[in-house]
Protein backbone atom coordinates (compact mmCIF):
# COMPACT_ATOMS: atom_id res chain seq x y z
CA MET A 1 -2.01 -31.17 14.45
CA ILE A 2 -1.44 -27.78 12.86
CA LYS A 3 -3.49 -24.89 14.21
CA GLU A 4 -4.75 -22.76 11.33
CA ALA A 5 -4.71 -18.95 11.37
CA LEU A 6 -6.71 -18.90 8.19
CA LEU A 7 -8.99 -21.86 7.86
CA ILE A 8 -9.46 -23.80 4.63
CA ILE A 9 -12.90 -25.38 4.68
CA LYS A 10 -13.75 -28.76 3.18
CA ARG A 11 -15.56 -27.47 0.12
CA TYR A 12 -12.21 -26.07 -1.10
CA ILE A 13 -11.38 -27.84 -4.36
CA ASN A 14 -7.67 -28.42 -3.64
CA CYS A 15 -6.64 -26.67 -6.81
CA ASP A 16 -2.95 -26.64 -5.85
CA MET A 17 -2.66 -22.91 -6.56
CA ARG A 18 -2.47 -21.67 -2.97
CA GLU A 19 0.53 -23.63 -1.69
CA PRO A 20 3.18 -22.23 -4.09
CA GLY A 21 1.66 -18.74 -3.84
CA CYS A 22 2.12 -18.48 -0.08
CA PRO A 23 5.05 -16.15 0.68
CA ASN A 24 5.49 -17.71 4.14
CA GLN A 25 5.35 -21.39 3.13
CA ALA A 26 2.43 -21.76 5.55
CA ILE A 27 0.19 -23.90 3.32
CA SER A 28 0.66 -27.65 3.06
CA MET A 29 -1.41 -30.69 2.19
CA GLY A 30 -3.20 -32.27 5.15
CA ASP A 31 -4.90 -35.66 5.23
CA GLU A 32 -7.68 -34.58 2.85
CA ILE A 33 -7.36 -30.86 2.14
CA TYR A 34 -4.70 -28.18 2.39
CA GLN A 35 -4.08 -26.62 5.79
CA ILE A 36 -2.51 -23.36 6.93
CA ASP A 37 0.09 -23.34 9.70
CA THR A 38 -0.71 -20.59 12.23
CA GLU A 39 2.97 -20.30 13.20
CA ARG A 40 3.89 -19.30 9.63
CA CYS A 41 0.75 -17.53 8.45
CA THR A 42 0.86 -13.73 8.63
CA GLU A 43 -2.28 -13.35 6.50
CA CYS A 44 0.26 -11.90 4.02
CA ILE A 45 1.02 -8.83 6.14
CA GLY A 46 4.37 -7.58 4.91
CA HIS A 47 3.72 -8.99 1.44
CA TYR A 48 0.23 -8.11 0.16
CA ASN A 49 -2.80 -6.02 1.10
CA LYS A 50 -4.97 -9.15 1.38
CA PRO A 51 -4.14 -12.79 2.10
CA ALA A 52 -2.89 -14.35 -1.15
CA SER A 53 -4.73 -17.58 -0.33
CA GLN A 54 -8.06 -15.74 -0.52
CA GLN A 55 -7.33 -13.96 -3.80
CA GLY A 56 -8.25 -15.52 -7.09
CA CYS A 57 -10.00 -18.53 -5.62
CA PRO A 58 -12.75 -19.69 -7.99
CA ILE A 59 -15.00 -20.64 -5.06
CA ASP A 60 -16.04 -17.89 -2.63
CA ASN A 61 -15.63 -18.25 1.12
CA THR A 62 -13.43 -21.35 1.20
CA ILE A 63 -10.54 -19.73 3.08
CA LEU A 64 -11.70 -17.87 6.17
CA VAL A 65 -10.19 -16.31 9.27
CA ASN A 66 -10.19 -19.04 11.92
CA PRO A 67 -12.20 -17.76 14.91
CA GLN A 68 -10.25 -20.09 17.24
CA TYR A 69 -6.97 -18.28 16.53
CA PRO A 70 -7.65 -14.54 16.23
CA GLU A 71 -4.52 -12.49 15.68
CA GLY A 72 -4.21 -8.74 15.41
CA ASN A 73 -2.08 -6.92 12.88
CA GLU A 74 0.69 -6.37 15.45
CA ARG A 75 1.08 -10.12 16.09
CA LEU A 76 0.94 -10.87 12.36
CA TRP A 77 3.58 -8.22 11.66
CA ASP A 78 5.82 -9.65 14.42
CA LYS A 79 5.61 -13.10 12.78
CA PHE A 80 6.50 -11.58 9.39
CA VAL A 81 9.59 -9.93 10.87
CA VAL A 82 10.73 -13.18 12.53
CA LEU A 83 10.12 -15.24 9.38
CA HIS A 84 11.77 -12.88 6.91
CA HIS A 85 14.14 -10.65 8.84
CA ALA A 86 15.39 -12.74 11.79
CA ASP A 87 18.96 -12.14 10.63
CA ARG A 88 18.48 -8.40 11.36
CA LEU A 89 17.11 -8.85 14.88
């Protein structure tokens, strides 16, 4: 089971717009709705000012910060560096 950093709630309409827009390839289809992989999600730190999954959604409050997996900006930045710049480490 994937632990979600950002949490997609069930009332999300599965519009298929979030998965290709994720710069970290952290969004994938689950059994019923999309899910966000906490190991890949940086909440778009390093890419955008706000999480891309939360921007432009036609339904408010369907993608939330998961209270079970709080991460600070430092941890999110570290994940971004590993995902996109591991060859420079």
